[in-house]
Every structure is written in structure tokens, then in C-alpha cells.
Amino acid sequence: PKAIDDKMLYRQRGGYCFEHTSLLQRVLQTLGF
């Protein structure tokens, strides 16, 4: 997760399914989903 966040949040990169899914899952869970 730290590598994904560094890449997609701090280095303005994208990713493929496993990276997107990890990021979005953690965002949604943080918001209570």
C-alpha cells in the first residue's frame, strides 16, 4: 500500500487494476463503506 500511494498520490502516476483496487478499497473503507 505504501508503494501504491507513493506512486499514485504523490508522484502523479496511474496504475493498473491491482493498484487502483487497493487504493480505492482503502479510501472507501476509511470513509465507512
All heavy atoms as atom14 arrays in JSON, in Angstrom:
{
  "sequence": "PKAIDDKMLYRQRGGYCFEHTSLLQRVLQTLGF",
  "atom14_mask": [
    [1, 1, 1, 1, 1, 1, 1, 0, 0, 0, 0, 0, 0, 0],
    [1, 1, 1, 1, 1, 1, 1, 1, 1, 0, 0, 0, 0, 0],
    [1, 1, 1, 1, 1, 0, 0, 0, 0, 0, 0, 0, 0, 0],
    [1, 1, 1, 1, 1, 1, 1, 1, 0, 0, 0, 0, 0, 0],
    [1, 1, 1, 1, 1, 1, 1, 1, 0, 0, 0, 0, 0, 0],
    [1, 1, 1, 1, 1, 1, 1, 1, 0, 0, 0, 0, 0, 0],
    [1, 1, 1, 1, 1, 1, 1, 1, 1, 0, 0, 0, 0, 0],
    [1, 1, 1, 1, 1, 1, 1, 1, 0, 0, 0, 0, 0, 0],
    [1, 1, 1, 1, 1, 1, 1, 1, 0, 0, 0, 0, 0, 0],
    [1, 1, 1, 1, 1, 1, 1, 1, 1, 1, 1, 1, 0, 0],
    [1, 1, 1, 1, 1, 1, 1, 1, 1, 1, 1, 0, 0, 0],
    [1, 1, 1, 1, 1, 1, 1, 1, 1, 0, 0, 0, 0, 0],
    [1, 1, 1, 1, 1, 1, 1, 1, 1, 1, 1, 0, 0, 0],
    [1, 1, 1, 1, 0, 0, 0, 0, 0, 0, 0, 0, 0, 0],
    [1, 1, 1, 1, 0, 0, 0, 0, 0, 0, 0, 0, 0, 0],
    [1, 1, 1, 1, 1, 1, 1, 1, 1, 1, 1, 1, 0, 0],
    [1, 1, 1, 1, 1, 1, 0, 0, 0, 0, 0, 0, 0, 0],
    [1, 1, 1, 1, 1, 1, 1, 1, 1, 1, 1, 0, 0, 0],
    [1, 1, 1, 1, 1, 1, 1, 1, 1, 0, 0, 0, 0, 0],
    [1, 1, 1, 1, 1, 1, 1, 1, 1, 1, 0, 0, 0, 0],
    [1, 1, 1, 1, 1, 1, 1, 0, 0, 0, 0, 0, 0, 0],
    [1, 1, 1, 1, 1, 1, 0, 0, 0, 0, 0, 0, 0, 0],
    [1, 1, 1, 1, 1, 1, 1, 1, 0, 0, 0, 0, 0, 0],
    [1, 1, 1, 1, 1, 1, 1, 1, 0, 0, 0, 0, 0, 0],
    [1, 1, 1, 1, 1, 1, 1, 1, 1, 0, 0, 0, 0, 0],
    [1, 1, 1, 1, 1, 1, 1, 1, 1, 1, 1, 0, 0, 0],
    [1, 1, 1, 1, 1, 1, 1, 0, 0, 0, 0, 0, 0, 0],
    [1, 1, 1, 1, 1, 1, 1, 1, 0, 0, 0, 0, 0, 0],
    [1, 1, 1, 1, 1, 1, 1, 1, 1, 0, 0, 0, 0, 0],
    [1, 1, 1, 1, 1, 1, 1, 0, 0, 0, 0, 0, 0, 0],
    [1, 1, 1, 1, 1, 1, 1, 1, 0, 0, 0, 0, 0, 0],
    [1, 1, 1, 1, 0, 0, 0, 0, 0, 0, 0, 0, 0, 0],
    [1, 1, 1, 1, 1, 1, 1, 1, 1, 1, 1, 0, 0, 0]
  ],
  "atom14_positions": [
    [[0.8, -1.23, 0.0], [0.0, 0.0, 0.0], [0.83, 1.27, 0.0], [0.47, 2.25, -0.67], [-0.83, -0.13, 1.28], [-0.96, -1.6, 1.49], [0.35, -2.17, 1.05], [0.0, 0.0, 0.0], [0.0, 0.0, 0.0], [0.0, 0.0, 0.0], [0.0, 0.0, 0.0], [0.0, 0.0, 0.0], [0.0, 0.0, 0.0], [0.0, 0.0, 0.0]],
    [[1.94, 1.29, 0.72], [2.77, 2.49, 0.74], [3.37, 2.79, -0.63], [3.46, 3.94, -1.05], [3.88, 2.33, 1.78], [3.38, 2.33, 3.22], [4.54, 2.24, 4.2], [4.03, 2.26, 5.64], [5.14, 2.14, 6.62], [0.0, 0.0, 0.0], [0.0, 0.0, 0.0], [0.0, 0.0, 0.0], [0.0, 0.0, 0.0], [0.0, 0.0, 0.0]],
    [[3.77, 1.73, -1.35], [4.32, 1.92, -2.69], [3.25, 2.41, -3.65], [3.5, 3.27, -4.5], [4.93, 0.62, -3.19], [0.0, 0.0, 0.0], [0.0, 0.0, 0.0], [0.0, 0.0, 0.0], [0.0, 0.0, 0.0], [0.0, 0.0, 0.0], [0.0, 0.0, 0.0], [0.0, 0.0, 0.0], [0.0, 0.0, 0.0], [0.0, 0.0, 0.0]],
    [[2.04, 1.86, -3.53], [0.94, 2.29, -4.39], [0.6, 3.75, -4.14], [0.42, 4.54, -5.09], [-0.29, 1.39, -4.16], [-0.01, -0.02, -4.68], [-1.53, 1.98, -4.83], [-1.09, -1.04, -4.34], [0.0, 0.0, 0.0], [0.0, 0.0, 0.0], [0.0, 0.0, 0.0], [0.0, 0.0, 0.0], [0.0, 0.0, 0.0], [0.0, 0.0, 0.0]],
    [[0.53, 4.13, -2.87], [0.18, 5.52, -2.56], [1.28, 6.49, -3.0], [0.99, 7.58, -3.5], [-0.07, 5.66, -1.06], [-1.32, 4.92, -0.61], [-2.01, 4.37, -1.49], [-1.59, 4.89, 0.6], [0.0, 0.0, 0.0], [0.0, 0.0, 0.0], [0.0, 0.0, 0.0], [0.0, 0.0, 0.0], [0.0, 0.0, 0.0], [0.0, 0.0, 0.0]],
    [[2.53, 6.09, -2.83], [3.62, 6.94, -3.29], [3.54, 7.17, -4.79], [3.71, 8.3, -5.27], [4.97, 6.3, -2.94], [6.15, 7.1, -3.47], [6.34, 8.24, -3.0], [6.85, 6.59, -4.36], [0.0, 0.0, 0.0], [0.0, 0.0, 0.0], [0.0, 0.0, 0.0], [0.0, 0.0, 0.0], [0.0, 0.0, 0.0], [0.0, 0.0, 0.0]],
    [[3.23, 6.13, -5.51], [3.15, 6.22, -6.97], [1.93, 7.02, -7.43], [2.06, 7.93, -8.26], [3.1, 4.8, -7.56], [2.98, 4.74, -9.07], [2.92, 3.28, -9.52], [2.77, 3.17, -11.02], [2.7, 1.74, -11.46], [0.0, 0.0, 0.0], [0.0, 0.0, 0.0], [0.0, 0.0, 0.0], [0.0, 0.0, 0.0], [0.0, 0.0, 0.0]],
    [[0.76, 6.7, -6.89], [-0.48, 7.24, -7.43], [-0.93, 8.54, -6.78], [-1.67, 9.32, -7.42], [-1.58, 6.18, -7.34], [-1.23, 4.89, -8.07], [-2.49, 3.58, -7.92], [-3.74, 4.18, -9.06], [0.0, 0.0, 0.0], [0.0, 0.0, 0.0], [0.0, 0.0, 0.0], [0.0, 0.0, 0.0], [0.0, 0.0, 0.0], [0.0, 0.0, 0.0]],
    [[-0.5, 8.79, -5.56], [-0.92, 10.01, -4.89], [0.15, 11.09, -4.89], [-0.14, 12.27, -5.06], [-1.32, 9.71, -3.44], [-2.51, 8.77, -3.24], [-2.82, 8.63, -1.76], [-3.73, 9.25, -4.02], [0.0, 0.0, 0.0], [0.0, 0.0, 0.0], [0.0, 0.0, 0.0], [0.0, 0.0, 0.0], [0.0, 0.0, 0.0], [0.0, 0.0, 0.0]],
    [[1.42, 10.7, -4.71], [2.48, 11.69, -4.54], [3.31, 11.91, -5.8], [3.93, 12.96, -5.96], [3.39, 11.29, -3.38], [2.63, 11.01, -2.11], [2.87, 9.85, -1.38], [1.66, 11.89, -1.64], [2.16, 9.57, -0.21], [0.94, 11.62, -0.49], [1.2, 10.46, 0.22], [0.48, 10.19, 1.37], [0.0, 0.0, 0.0], [0.0, 0.0, 0.0]],
    [[3.35, 10.91, -6.69], [4.15, 11.05, -7.91], [3.29, 11.22, -9.16], [3.79, 11.16, -10.28], [5.09, 9.85, -8.07], [6.16, 9.79, -6.99], [7.3, 8.84, -7.36], [6.9, 7.45, -7.25], [6.87, 6.59, -8.26], [7.18, 6.97, -9.49], [6.52, 5.33, -8.06], [0.0, 0.0, 0.0], [0.0, 0.0, 0.0], [0.0, 0.0, 0.0]],
    [[1.99, 11.44, -8.99], [1.08, 11.76, -10.1], [1.09, 10.69, -11.2], [1.05, 11.02, -12.38], [1.44, 13.12, -10.7], [1.19, 14.3, -9.78], [-0.27, 14.51, -9.45], [-0.68, 14.37, -8.31], [-1.08, 14.84, -10.44], [0.0, 0.0, 0.0], [0.0, 0.0, 0.0], [0.0, 0.0, 0.0], [0.0, 0.0, 0.0], [0.0, 0.0, 0.0]],
    [[1.17, 9.43, -10.78], [1.11, 8.34, -11.74], [-0.25, 7.66, -11.68], [-1.05, 7.88, -10.78], [2.22, 7.32, -11.43], [3.63, 7.8, -11.76], [3.88, 7.85, -13.25], [3.59, 6.58, -13.89], [4.42, 5.53, -13.89], [5.62, 5.62, -13.33], [4.07, 4.4, -14.49], [0.0, 0.0, 0.0], [0.0, 0.0, 0.0], [0.0, 0.0, 0.0]],
    [[-0.5, 6.79, -12.67], [-1.66, 5.94, -12.62], [-1.24, 4.54, -12.22], [-0.21, 4.35, -11.58], [0.0, 0.0, 0.0], [0.0, 0.0, 0.0], [0.0, 0.0, 0.0], [0.0, 0.0, 0.0], [0.0, 0.0, 0.0], [0.0, 0.0, 0.0], [0.0, 0.0, 0.0], [0.0, 0.0, 0.0], [0.0, 0.0, 0.0], [0.0, 0.0, 0.0]],
    [[-2.03, 3.57, -12.64], [-1.71, 2.19, -12.33], [-2.68, 1.27, -13.03], [-3.55, 1.72, -13.77], [0.0, 0.0, 0.0], [0.0, 0.0, 0.0], [0.0, 0.0, 0.0], [0.0, 0.0, 0.0], [0.0, 0.0, 0.0], [0.0, 0.0, 0.0], [0.0, 0.0, 0.0], [0.0, 0.0, 0.0], [0.0, 0.0, 0.0], [0.0, 0.0, 0.0]],
    [[-2.51, -0.04, -12.81], [-3.5, -0.96, -13.38], [-4.34, -1.54, -12.27], [-4.33, -1.04, -11.13], [-2.87, -1.98, -14.3], [-1.87, -2.98, -13.76], [-1.64, -3.18, -12.41], [-1.14, -3.76, -14.66], [-0.74, -4.12, -11.96], [-0.21, -4.7, -14.23], [-0.02, -4.87, -12.87], [0.88, -5.81, -12.44], [0.0, 0.0, 0.0], [0.0, 0.0, 0.0]],
    [[-5.15, -2.56, -12.57], [-6.27, -2.93, -11.71], [-5.89, -3.17, -10.26], [-6.58, -2.68, -9.34], [-6.99, -4.14, -12.28], [-6.03, -5.68, -12.29], [0.0, 0.0, 0.0], [0.0, 0.0, 0.0], [0.0, 0.0, 0.0], [0.0, 0.0, 0.0], [0.0, 0.0, 0.0], [0.0, 0.0, 0.0], [0.0, 0.0, 0.0], [0.0, 0.0, 0.0]],
    [[-4.8, -3.91, -9.99], [-4.47, -4.21, -8.61], [-4.11, -2.96, -7.82], [-4.42, -2.84, -6.63], [-3.32, -5.22, -8.58], [-3.67, -6.54, -9.21], [-3.09, -6.92, -10.41], [-4.6, -7.38, -8.63], [-3.43, -8.12, -11.0], [-4.94, -8.59, -9.21], [-4.35, -8.96, -10.4], [0.0, 0.0, 0.0], [0.0, 0.0, 0.0], [0.0, 0.0, 0.0]],
    [[-3.46, -2.02, -8.47], [-3.1, -0.77, -7.81], [-4.33, 0.1, -7.57], [-4.52, 0.64, -6.47], [-2.07, -0.03, -8.66], [-0.76, -0.81, -8.82], [0.11, -0.26, -9.93], [-0.29, -0.34, -11.11], [1.2, 0.25, -9.61], [0.0, 0.0, 0.0], [0.0, 0.0, 0.0], [0.0, 0.0, 0.0], [0.0, 0.0, 0.0], [0.0, 0.0, 0.0]],
    [[-5.16, 0.27, -8.58], [-6.39, 1.05, -8.43], [-7.29, 0.46, -7.36], [-7.87, 1.18, -6.53], [-7.14, 1.12, -9.77], [-6.63, 2.15, -10.71], [-6.98, 3.48, -10.62], [-5.79, 2.06, -11.78], [-6.4, 4.17, -11.59], [-5.67, 3.32, -12.31], [0.0, 0.0, 0.0], [0.0, 0.0, 0.0], [0.0, 0.0, 0.0], [0.0, 0.0, 0.0]],
    [[-7.43, -0.87, -7.38], [-8.33, -1.53, -6.43], [-7.85, -1.36, -5.0], [-8.64, -1.07, -4.09], [-8.45, -3.02, -6.77], [-9.04, -3.16, -8.07], [-9.33, -3.74, -5.76], [0.0, 0.0, 0.0], [0.0, 0.0, 0.0], [0.0, 0.0, 0.0], [0.0, 0.0, 0.0], [0.0, 0.0, 0.0], [0.0, 0.0, 0.0], [0.0, 0.0, 0.0]],
    [[-6.55, -1.51, -4.78], [-6.0, -1.33, -3.43], [-6.25, 0.09, -2.93], [-6.71, 0.29, -1.79], [-4.49, -1.61, -3.44], [-3.89, -1.2, -2.23], [0.0, 0.0, 0.0], [0.0, 0.0, 0.0], [0.0, 0.0, 0.0], [0.0, 0.0, 0.0], [0.0, 0.0, 0.0], [0.0, 0.0, 0.0], [0.0, 0.0, 0.0], [0.0, 0.0, 0.0]],
    [[-5.96, 1.07, -3.77], [-6.12, 2.46, -3.36], [-7.58, 2.77, -3.06], [-7.91, 3.31, -1.98], [-5.6, 3.39, -4.45], [-5.79, 4.89, -4.23], [-5.1, 5.35, -2.95], [-5.28, 5.68, -5.43], [0.0, 0.0, 0.0], [0.0, 0.0, 0.0], [0.0, 0.0, 0.0], [0.0, 0.0, 0.0], [0.0, 0.0, 0.0], [0.0, 0.0, 0.0]],
    [[-8.47, 2.42, -3.98], [-9.88, 2.77, -3.8], [-10.5, 2.0, -2.63], [-11.32, 2.56, -1.89], [-10.66, 2.51, -5.08], [-12.13, 2.96, -5.04], [-12.23, 4.47, -4.77], [-12.84, 2.62, -6.34], [0.0, 0.0, 0.0], [0.0, 0.0, 0.0], [0.0, 0.0, 0.0], [0.0, 0.0, 0.0], [0.0, 0.0, 0.0], [0.0, 0.0, 0.0]],
    [[-10.14, 0.75, -2.45], [-10.68, -0.01, -1.34], [-10.36, 0.66, -0.01], [-11.23, 0.82, 0.86], [-10.14, -1.43, -1.34], [-10.66, -2.26, -0.15], [-10.07, -3.65, -0.12], [-9.05, -3.93, -0.75], [-10.7, -4.55, 0.62], [0.0, 0.0, 0.0], [0.0, 0.0, 0.0], [0.0, 0.0, 0.0], [0.0, 0.0, 0.0], [0.0, 0.0, 0.0]],
    [[-9.11, 1.09, 0.15], [-8.71, 1.72, 1.4], [-9.39, 3.08, 1.6], [-9.75, 3.46, 2.72], [-7.19, 1.83, 1.46], [-6.52, 0.47, 1.64], [-5.01, 0.55, 1.69], [-4.42, 0.77, 0.37], [-3.73, 1.83, 0.03], [-3.52, 2.8, 0.92], [-3.22, 1.95, -1.17], [0.0, 0.0, 0.0], [0.0, 0.0, 0.0], [0.0, 0.0, 0.0]],
    [[-9.59, 3.81, 0.51], [-10.3, 5.09, 0.6], [-11.74, 4.86, 1.04], [-12.24, 5.52, 1.97], [-10.27, 5.83, -0.75], [-11.27, 6.98, -0.77], [-8.87, 6.35, -1.04], [0.0, 0.0, 0.0], [0.0, 0.0, 0.0], [0.0, 0.0, 0.0], [0.0, 0.0, 0.0], [0.0, 0.0, 0.0], [0.0, 0.0, 0.0], [0.0, 0.0, 0.0]],
    [[-12.41, 3.92, 0.4], [-13.82, 3.67, 0.73], [-13.98, 3.16, 2.16], [-14.9, 3.56, 2.88], [-14.41, 2.67, -0.26], [-14.55, 3.17, -1.71], [-15.07, 2.06, -2.61], [-15.47, 4.38, -1.78], [0.0, 0.0, 0.0], [0.0, 0.0, 0.0], [0.0, 0.0, 0.0], [0.0, 0.0, 0.0], [0.0, 0.0, 0.0], [0.0, 0.0, 0.0]],
    [[-13.09, 2.28, 2.6], [-13.17, 1.78, 3.96], [-12.91, 2.89, 4.98], [-13.56, 2.95, 6.03], [-12.19, 0.63, 4.15], [-12.61, -0.65, 3.43], [-11.58, -1.74, 3.52], [-10.38, -1.48, 3.58], [-12.04, -2.99, 3.52], [0.0, 0.0, 0.0], [0.0, 0.0, 0.0], [0.0, 0.0, 0.0], [0.0, 0.0, 0.0], [0.0, 0.0, 0.0]],
    [[-12.0, 3.79, 4.66], [-11.73, 4.93, 5.54], [-12.97, 5.81, 5.68], [-13.22, 6.39, 6.75], [-10.55, 5.76, 5.01], [-9.38, 4.93, 4.96], [-10.27, 6.96, 5.89], [0.0, 0.0, 0.0], [0.0, 0.0, 0.0], [0.0, 0.0, 0.0], [0.0, 0.0, 0.0], [0.0, 0.0, 0.0], [0.0, 0.0, 0.0], [0.0, 0.0, 0.0]],
    [[-13.75, 5.9, 4.61], [-14.97, 6.71, 4.62], [-16.16, 5.97, 5.23], [-17.26, 6.54, 5.31], [-15.31, 7.15, 3.2], [-14.36, 8.16, 2.57], [-14.7, 8.39, 1.1], [-14.38, 9.49, 3.32], [0.0, 0.0, 0.0], [0.0, 0.0, 0.0], [0.0, 0.0, 0.0], [0.0, 0.0, 0.0], [0.0, 0.0, 0.0], [0.0, 0.0, 0.0]],
    [[-15.96, 4.71, 5.63], [-17.03, 3.98, 6.3], [-17.79, 2.99, 5.45], [-18.76, 2.39, 5.92], [0.0, 0.0, 0.0], [0.0, 0.0, 0.0], [0.0, 0.0, 0.0], [0.0, 0.0, 0.0], [0.0, 0.0, 0.0], [0.0, 0.0, 0.0], [0.0, 0.0, 0.0], [0.0, 0.0, 0.0], [0.0, 0.0, 0.0], [0.0, 0.0, 0.0]],
    [[-17.38, 2.78, 4.21], [-18.05, 1.81, 3.36], [-17.59, 0.39, 3.7], [-16.44, 0.17, 4.11], [-17.74, 2.07, 1.88], [-18.38, 3.31, 1.31], [-17.71, 4.53, 1.33], [-19.65, 3.25, 0.75], [-18.29, 5.67, 0.81], [-20.23, 4.4, 0.21], [-19.56, 5.6, 0.25], [0.0, 0.0, 0.0], [0.0, 0.0, 0.0], [0.0, 0.0, 0.0]]
  ]
}
